[in-house]
Structures are given as structure tokens and as C-alpha cells.
């Protein structure tokens, strides 16, 4: 999987995960800062989509964080 395909997949999963978290709102999620949300999303990826984090010569957490932060700016 190319890096750009991986980015598109991760961003799509981020948007869906965030929507699901809002729908399951227990009153806390909207108050989490973006850093906490990204950390929880990364844990989700580690557990459910570990193949997306297989990026040689890159720090997967920092890469996912950059993609998500870029998406949040849109």
C-alpha cells in the first residue's frame, strides 16, 4: 500500500471513528482535546488496523498525528 493510499485510508477511518465516538457520546468525548482524541484513535488503529501502521523508516504515531491534524484544519 502506498503512503498516499495509507493516508486516505487513515483519514477516512479517523472521520468515521470520530463520528462513531460522537454518536456514542457519554458526555466526555466532545471535551477531549484533539491530542487525546488522536491518541485514542491511534490505540484503535493499533488494535484493529495494525497493517496501516507498518511504515518503515517512519514513526507511525507522528505520521498518523500529522495526517489527522491536517484533516482537522480542513
PDB file of N, CA and C in Angstrom:
ATOM      1  N   UNK A   1       0.850  -1.175   0.000  1.00  0.00           N
ATOM      2  CA  UNK A   1       0.000   0.000   0.000  1.00  0.00           C
ATOM      3  C   UNK A   1       0.893   1.235   0.000  1.00  0.00           C
ATOM      4  N   UNK A   2       0.623   2.141  -0.919  1.00  0.00           N
ATOM      5  CA  UNK A   2       1.436   3.362  -0.996  1.00  0.00           C
ATOM      6  C   UNK A   2       1.123   4.268   0.196  1.00  0.00           C
ATOM      7  N   UNK A   3       2.019   5.192   0.452  1.00  0.00           N
ATOM      8  CA  UNK A   3       1.839   6.107   1.566  1.00  0.00           C
ATOM      9  C   UNK A   3       0.593   6.974   1.367  1.00  0.00           C
ATOM     10  N   UNK A   4       0.351   7.421   0.138  1.00  0.00           N
ATOM     11  CA  UNK A   4      -0.834   8.263  -0.103  1.00  0.00           C
ATOM     12  C   UNK A   4      -2.122   7.458   0.069  1.00  0.00           C
ATOM     13  N   UNK A   5      -2.131   6.193  -0.347  1.00  0.00           N
ATOM     14  CA  UNK A   5      -3.306   5.336  -0.126  1.00  0.00           C
ATOM     15  C   UNK A   5      -3.517   5.101   1.366  1.00  0.00           C
ATOM     16  N   UNK A   6      -2.421   4.903   2.058  1.00  0.00           N
ATOM     17  CA  UNK A   6      -2.486   4.691   3.510  1.00  0.00           C
ATOM     18  C   UNK A   6      -3.048   5.940   4.190  1.00  0.00           C
ATOM     19  N   UNK A   7      -2.603   7.111   3.739  1.00  0.00           N
ATOM     20  CA  UNK A   7      -3.104   8.367   4.316  1.00  0.00           C
ATOM     21  C   UNK A   7      -4.608   8.496   4.087  1.00  0.00           C
ATOM     22  N   UNK A   8      -5.073   8.231   2.884  1.00  0.00           N
ATOM     23  CA  UNK A   8      -6.510   8.331   2.578  1.00  0.00           C
ATOM     24  C   UNK A   8      -7.312   7.376   3.461  1.00  0.00           C
ATOM     25  N   UNK A   9      -6.807   6.175   3.643  1.00  0.00           N
ATOM     26  CA  UNK A   9      -7.499   5.180   4.458  1.00  0.00           C
ATOM     27  C   UNK A   9      -7.541   5.616   5.916  1.00  0.00           C
ATOM     28  N   UNK A  10      -6.414   6.085   6.437  1.00  0.00           N
ATOM     29  CA  UNK A  10      -6.349   6.519   7.827  1.00  0.00           C
ATOM     30  C   UNK A  10      -7.270   7.711   8.066  1.00  0.00           C
ATOM     31  N   UNK A  11      -7.272   8.674   7.167  1.00  0.00           N
ATOM     32  CA  UNK A  11      -8.136   9.850   7.334  1.00  0.00           C
ATOM     33  C   UNK A  11      -9.614   9.444   7.266  1.00  0.00           C
ATOM     34  N   UNK A  12      -9.964   8.543   6.358  1.00  0.00           N
ATOM     35  CA  UNK A  12     -11.350   8.064   6.278  1.00  0.00           C
ATOM     36  C   UNK A  12     -11.741   7.346   7.570  1.00  0.00           C
ATOM     37  N   UNK A  13     -10.836   6.511   8.091  1.00  0.00           N
ATOM     38  CA  UNK A  13     -11.108   5.828   9.354  1.00  0.00           C
ATOM     39  C   UNK A  13     -11.219   6.828  10.500  1.00  0.00           C
ATOM     40  N   UNK A  14     -10.384   7.852  10.504  1.00  0.00           N
ATOM     41  CA  UNK A  14     -10.429   8.898  11.532  1.00  0.00           C
ATOM     42  C   UNK A  14     -11.796   9.575  11.535  1.00  0.00           C
ATOM     43  N   UNK A  15     -12.263   9.949  10.362  1.00  0.00           N
ATOM     44  CA  UNK A  15     -13.560  10.630  10.277  1.00  0.00           C
ATOM     45  C   UNK A  15     -14.688   9.733  10.771  1.00  0.00           C
ATOM     46  N   UNK A  16     -14.656   8.465  10.379  1.00  0.00           N
ATOM     47  CA  UNK A  16     -15.692   7.524  10.820  1.00  0.00           C
ATOM     48  C   UNK A  16     -15.586   7.251  12.315  1.00  0.00           C
ATOM     49  N   UNK A  17     -14.370   7.072  12.818  1.00  0.00           N
ATOM     50  CA  UNK A  17     -14.162   6.822  14.240  1.00  0.00           C
ATOM     51  C   UNK A  17     -14.667   7.997  15.064  1.00  0.00           C
ATOM     52  N   UNK A  18     -14.345   9.203  14.620  1.00  0.00           N
ATOM     53  CA  UNK A  18     -14.760  10.404  15.344  1.00  0.00           C
ATOM     54  C   UNK A  18     -16.285  10.531  15.366  1.00  0.00           C
ATOM     55  N   UNK A  19     -16.916  10.236  14.227  1.00  0.00           N
ATOM     56  CA  UNK A  19     -18.378  10.272  14.153  1.00  0.00           C
ATOM     57  C   UNK A  19     -18.979   9.239  15.108  1.00  0.00           C
ATOM     58  N   UNK A  20     -18.417   8.027  15.100  1.00  0.00           N
ATOM     59  CA  UNK A  20     -18.909   6.981  15.995  1.00  0.00           C
ATOM     60  C   UNK A  20     -18.753   7.388  17.458  1.00  0.00           C
ATOM     61  N   UNK A  21     -17.638   8.014  17.783  1.00  0.00           N
ATOM     62  CA  UNK A  21     -17.417   8.439  19.164  1.00  0.00           C
ATOM     63  C   UNK A  21     -18.427   9.513  19.569  1.00  0.00           C
ATOM     64  N   UNK A  22     -18.748  10.403  18.650  1.00  0.00           N
ATOM     65  CA  UNK A  22     -19.760  11.419  18.956  1.00  0.00           C
ATOM     66  C   UNK A  22     -21.130  10.774  19.128  1.00  0.00           C
ATOM     67  N   UNK A  23     -21.442   9.798  18.280  1.00  0.00           N
ATOM     68  CA  UNK A  23     -22.733   9.113  18.357  1.00  0.00           C
ATOM     69  C   UNK A  23     -22.870   8.326  19.652  1.00  0.00           C
ATOM     70  N   UNK A  24     -21.765   7.806  20.163  1.00  0.00           N
ATOM     71  CA  UNK A  24     -21.773   7.049  21.409  1.00  0.00           C
ATOM     72  C   UNK A  24     -21.522   7.949  22.616  1.00  0.00           C
ATOM     73  N   UNK A  25     -21.643   9.227  22.402  1.00  0.00           N
ATOM     74  CA  UNK A  25     -21.276  10.240  23.380  1.00  0.00           C
ATOM     75  C   UNK A  25     -21.714   9.880  24.791  1.00  0.00           C
ATOM     76  N   UNK A  26     -20.730   9.775  25.662  1.00  0.00           N
ATOM     77  CA  UNK A  26     -21.007   9.554  27.081  1.00  0.00           C
ATOM     78  C   UNK A  26     -20.859  10.862  27.853  1.00  0.00           C
ATOM     79  N   UNK A  27     -20.758  11.949  27.112  1.00  0.00           N
ATOM     80  CA  UNK A  27     -20.598  13.247  27.744  1.00  0.00           C
ATOM     81  C   UNK A  27     -19.166  13.724  27.832  1.00  0.00           C
ATOM     82  N   UNK A  28     -18.198  12.813  27.593  1.00  0.00           N
ATOM     83  CA  UNK A  28     -16.792  13.186  27.731  1.00  0.00           C
ATOM     84  C   UNK A  28     -16.113  13.461  26.410  1.00  0.00           C
ATOM     85  N   UNK A  29     -16.441  12.701  25.381  1.00  0.00           N
ATOM     86  CA  UNK A  29     -15.667  12.786  24.148  1.00  0.00           C
ATOM     87  C   UNK A  29     -15.561  14.197  23.573  1.00  0.00           C
ATOM     88  N   UNK A  30     -16.649  14.965  23.501  1.00  0.00           N
ATOM     89  CA  UNK A  30     -16.509  16.304  22.908  1.00  0.00           C
ATOM     90  C   UNK A  30     -15.541  17.211  23.658  1.00  0.00           C
ATOM     91  N   UNK A  31     -15.279  16.871  24.919  1.00  0.00           N
ATOM     92  CA  UNK A  31     -14.409  17.718  25.732  1.00  0.00           C
ATOM     93  C   UNK A  31     -12.949  17.302  25.683  1.00  0.00           C
ATOM     94  N   UNK A  32     -12.676  16.150  25.094  1.00  0.00           N
ATOM     95  CA  UNK A  32     -11.290  15.746  24.933  1.00  0.00           C
ATOM     96  C   UNK A  32     -10.616  16.675  23.938  1.00  0.00           C
ATOM     97  N   UNK A  33      -9.415  17.096  24.256  1.00  0.00           N
ATOM     98  CA  UNK A  33      -8.691  17.906  23.288  1.00  0.00           C
ATOM     99  C   UNK A  33      -8.255  17.026  22.119  1.00  0.00           C
ATOM    100  N   UNK A  34      -7.840  17.647  21.043  1.00  0.00           N
ATOM    101  CA  UNK A  34      -7.501  16.879  19.839  1.00  0.00           C
ATOM    102  C   UNK A  34      -6.343  15.910  20.102  1.00  0.00           C
ATOM    103  N   UNK A  35      -5.410  16.270  20.977  1.00  0.00           N
ATOM    104  CA  UNK A  35      -4.304  15.370  21.292  1.00  0.00           C
ATOM    105  C   UNK A  35      -4.788  14.068  21.914  1.00  0.00           C
ATOM    106  N   UNK A  36      -5.736  14.157  22.835  1.00  0.00           N
ATOM    107  CA  UNK A  36      -6.299  12.960  23.478  1.00  0.00           C
ATOM    108  C   UNK A  36      -7.081  12.138  22.449  1.00  0.00           C
ATOM    109  N   UNK A  37      -7.849  12.813  21.584  1.00  0.00           N
ATOM    110  CA  UNK A  37      -8.604  12.110  20.547  1.00  0.00           C
ATOM    111  C   UNK A  37      -7.663  11.364  19.602  1.00  0.00           C
ATOM    112  N   UNK A  38      -6.568  12.007  19.205  1.00  0.00           N
ATOM    113  CA  UNK A  38      -5.600  11.367  18.310  1.00  0.00           C
ATOM    114  C   UNK A  38      -4.972  10.161  18.990  1.00  0.00           C
ATOM    115  N   UNK A  39      -4.641  10.303  20.258  1.00  0.00           N
ATOM    116  CA  UNK A  39      -4.042   9.183  20.989  1.00  0.00           C
ATOM    117  C   UNK A  39      -5.004   7.990  21.047  1.00  0.00           C
ATOM    118  N   UNK A  40      -6.268   8.248  21.351  1.00  0.00           N
ATOM    119  CA  UNK A  40      -7.264   7.178  21.405  1.00  0.00           C
ATOM    120  C   UNK A  40      -7.467   6.551  20.024  1.00  0.00           C
ATOM    121  N   UNK A  41      -7.465   7.376  18.994  1.00  0.00           N
ATOM    122  CA  UNK A  41      -7.605   6.865  17.627  1.00  0.00           C
ATOM    123  C   UNK A  41      -6.410   5.988  17.260  1.00  0.00           C
ATOM    124  N   UNK A  42      -5.211   6.392  17.654  1.00  0.00           N
ATOM    125  CA  UNK A  42      -4.021   5.596  17.364  1.00  0.00           C
ATOM    126  C   UNK A  42      -4.104   4.240  18.072  1.00  0.00           C
ATOM    127  N   UNK A  43      -4.606   4.238  19.297  1.00  0.00           N
ATOM    128  CA  UNK A  43      -4.793   2.967  20.000  1.00  0.00           C
ATOM    129  C   UNK A  43      -5.788   2.076  19.256  1.00  0.00           C
ATOM    130  N   UNK A  44      -6.839   2.692  18.727  1.00  0.00           N
ATOM    131  CA  UNK A  44      -7.804   1.940  17.917  1.00  0.00           C
ATOM    132  C   UNK A  44      -7.102   1.320  16.702  1.00  0.00           C
ATOM    133  N   UNK A  45      -6.267   2.112  16.010  1.00  0.00           N
ATOM    134  CA  UNK A  45      -5.549   1.590  14.840  1.00  0.00           C
ATOM    135  C   UNK A  45      -4.626   0.439  15.235  1.00  0.00           C
ATOM    136  N   UNK A  46      -3.929   0.581  16.349  1.00  0.00           N
ATOM    137  CA  UNK A  46      -3.038  -0.482  16.805  1.00  0.00           C
ATOM    138  C   UNK A  46      -3.803  -1.782  17.032  1.00  0.00           C
ATOM    139  N   UNK A  47      -4.989  -1.674  17.582  1.00  0.00           N
ATOM    140  CA  UNK A  47      -5.773  -2.859  17.914  1.00  0.00           C
ATOM    141  C   UNK A  47      -6.509  -3.441  16.712  1.00  0.00           C
ATOM    142  N   UNK A  48      -7.014  -2.557  15.844  1.00  0.00           N
ATOM    143  CA  UNK A  48      -7.926  -3.011  14.801  1.00  0.00           C
ATOM    144  C   UNK A  48      -7.348  -2.976  13.386  1.00  0.00           C
ATOM    145  N   UNK A  49      -6.378  -2.117  13.135  1.00  0.00           N
ATOM    146  CA  UNK A  49      -5.826  -1.938  11.790  1.00  0.00           C
ATOM    147  C   UNK A  49      -4.299  -1.843  11.826  1.00  0.00           C
ATOM    148  N   UNK A  50      -3.614  -2.767  12.478  1.00  0.00           N
ATOM    149  CA  UNK A  50      -2.162  -2.622  12.652  1.00  0.00           C
ATOM    150  C   UNK A  50      -1.385  -2.569  11.336  1.00  0.00           C
ATOM    151  N   UNK A  51      -1.920  -3.151  10.270  1.00  0.00           N
ATOM    152  CA  UNK A  51      -1.216  -3.124   8.980  1.00  0.00           C
ATOM    153  C   UNK A  51      -1.054  -1.693   8.456  1.00  0.00           C
ATOM    154  N   UNK A  52      -1.942  -0.784   8.857  1.00  0.00           N
ATOM    155  CA  UNK A  52      -1.830   0.609   8.419  1.00  0.00           C
ATOM    156  C   UNK A  52      -0.671   1.329   9.087  1.00  0.00           C
ATOM    157  N   UNK A  53      -0.170   0.775  10.174  1.00  0.00           N
ATOM    158  CA  UNK A  53       0.916   1.404  10.919  1.00  0.00           C
ATOM    159  C   UNK A  53       2.287   0.861  10.538  1.00  0.00           C
ATOM    160  N   UNK A  54       2.306  -0.042   9.594  1.00  0.00           N
ATOM    161  CA  UNK A  54       3.563  -0.637   9.138  1.00  0.00           C
ATOM    162  C   UNK A  54       4.228   0.303   8.137  1.00  0.00           C
ATOM    163  N   UNK A  55       4.988   1.270   8.676  1.00  0.00           N
ATOM    164  CA  UNK A  55       5.657   2.269   7.850  1.00  0.00           C
ATOM    165  C   UNK A  55       7.143   2.278   8.184  1.00  0.00           C
ATOM    166  N   UNK A  56       7.936   1.537   7.420  1.00  0.00           N
ATOM    167  CA  UNK A  56       9.378   1.502   7.689  1.00  0.00           C
ATOM    168  C   UNK A  56       9.998   2.904   7.606  1.00  0.00           C
ATOM    169  N   UNK A  57      10.946   3.130   8.438  1.00  0.00           N
ATOM    170  CA  UNK A  57      11.707   4.388   8.473  1.00  0.00           C
ATOM    171  C   UNK A  57      10.845   5.595   8.859  1.00  0.00           C
ATOM    172  N   UNK A  58       9.681   5.351   9.429  1.00  0.00           N
ATOM    173  CA  UNK A  58       8.820   6.445   9.882  1.00  0.00           C
ATOM    174  C   UNK A  58       8.301   6.107  11.270  1.00  0.00           C
ATOM    175  N   UNK A  59       8.014   7.137  12.038  1.00  0.00           N
ATOM    176  CA  UNK A  59       7.346   6.957  13.320  1.00  0.00           C
ATOM    177  C   UNK A  59       5.845   6.963  13.023  1.00  0.00           C
ATOM    178  N   UNK A  60       5.181   5.810  13.125  1.00  0.00           N
ATOM    179  CA  UNK A  60       3.770   5.743  12.738  1.00  0.00           C
ATOM    180  C   UNK A  60       2.879   6.683  13.551  1.00  0.00           C
ATOM    181  N   UNK A  61       3.163   6.855  14.829  1.00  0.00           N
ATOM    182  CA  UNK A  61       2.338   7.754  15.635  1.00  0.00           C
ATOM    183  C   UNK A  61       2.428   9.186  15.113  1.00  0.00           C
ATOM    184  N   UNK A  62       3.642   9.636  14.855  1.00  0.00           N
ATOM    185  CA  UNK A  62       3.822  11.011  14.369  1.00  0.00           C
ATOM    186  C   UNK A  62       3.204  11.201  12.986  1.00  0.00           C
ATOM    187  N   UNK A  63       3.278  10.179  12.144  1.00  0.00           N
ATOM    188  CA  UNK A  63       2.707  10.272  10.806  1.00  0.00           C
ATOM    189  C   UNK A  63       1.182  10.336  10.865  1.00  0.00           C
ATOM    190  N   UNK A  64       0.585   9.457  11.656  1.00  0.00           N
ATOM    191  CA  UNK A  64      -0.875   9.467  11.812  1.00  0.00           C
ATOM    192  C   UNK A  64      -1.317  10.796  12.428  1.00  0.00           C
ATOM    193  N   UNK A  65      -0.593  11.256  13.410  1.00  0.00           N
ATOM    194  CA  UNK A  65      -0.917  12.534  14.051  1.00  0.00           C
ATOM    195  C   UNK A  65      -0.877  13.672  13.032  1.00  0.00           C
ATOM    196  N   UNK A  66       0.134  13.693  12.182  1.00  0.00           N
ATOM    197  CA  UNK A  66       0.242  14.748  11.158  1.00  0.00           C
ATOM    198  C   UNK A  66      -0.940  14.690  10.192  1.00  0.00           C
ATOM    199  N   UNK A  67      -1.310  13.483   9.755  1.00  0.00           N
ATOM    200  CA  UNK A  67      -2.447  13.342   8.842  1.00  0.00           C
ATOM    201  C   UNK A  67      -3.745  13.826   9.489  1.00  0.00           C
ATOM    202  N   UNK A  68      -3.957  13.448  10.740  1.00  0.00           N
ATOM    203  CA  UNK A  68      -5.184  13.828  11.437  1.00  0.00           C
ATOM    204  C   UNK A  68      -5.212  15.340  11.678  1.00  0.00           C
ATOM    205  N   UNK A  69      -4.107  15.908  12.106  1.00  0.00           N
ATOM    206  CA  UNK A  69      -4.055  17.349  12.326  1.00  0.00           C
ATOM    207  C   UNK A  69      -4.302  18.112  11.032  1.00  0.00           C
ATOM    208  N   UNK A  70      -3.754  17.599   9.953  1.00  0.00           N
ATOM    209  CA  UNK A  70      -4.001  18.221   8.646  1.00  0.00           C
ATOM    210  C   UNK A  70      -5.496  18.133   8.296  1.00  0.00           C
ATOM    211  N   UNK A  71      -6.111  17.012   8.579  1.00  0.00           N
ATOM    212  CA  UNK A  71      -7.547  16.859   8.314  1.00  0.00           C
ATOM    213  C   UNK A  71      -8.372  17.800   9.179  1.00  0.00           C
ATOM    214  N   UNK A  72      -7.957  18.012  10.411  1.00  0.00           N
ATOM    215  CA  UNK A  72      -8.694  18.902  11.315  1.00  0.00           C
ATOM    216  C   UNK A  72      -8.658  20.352  10.849  1.00  0.00           C
ATOM    217  N   UNK A  73      -7.646  20.708  10.073  1.00  0.00           N
ATOM    218  CA  UNK A  73      -7.530  22.087   9.568  1.00  0.00           C
ATOM    219  C   UNK A  73      -8.479  22.369   8.416  1.00  0.00           C
ATOM    220  N   UNK A  74      -9.001  21.318   7.790  1.00  0.00           N
ATOM    221  CA  UNK A  74      -9.879  21.495   6.623  1.00  0.00           C
ATOM    222  C   UNK A  74     -11.193  22.097   7.044  1.00  0.00           C
TER     223      UNK A  74
END
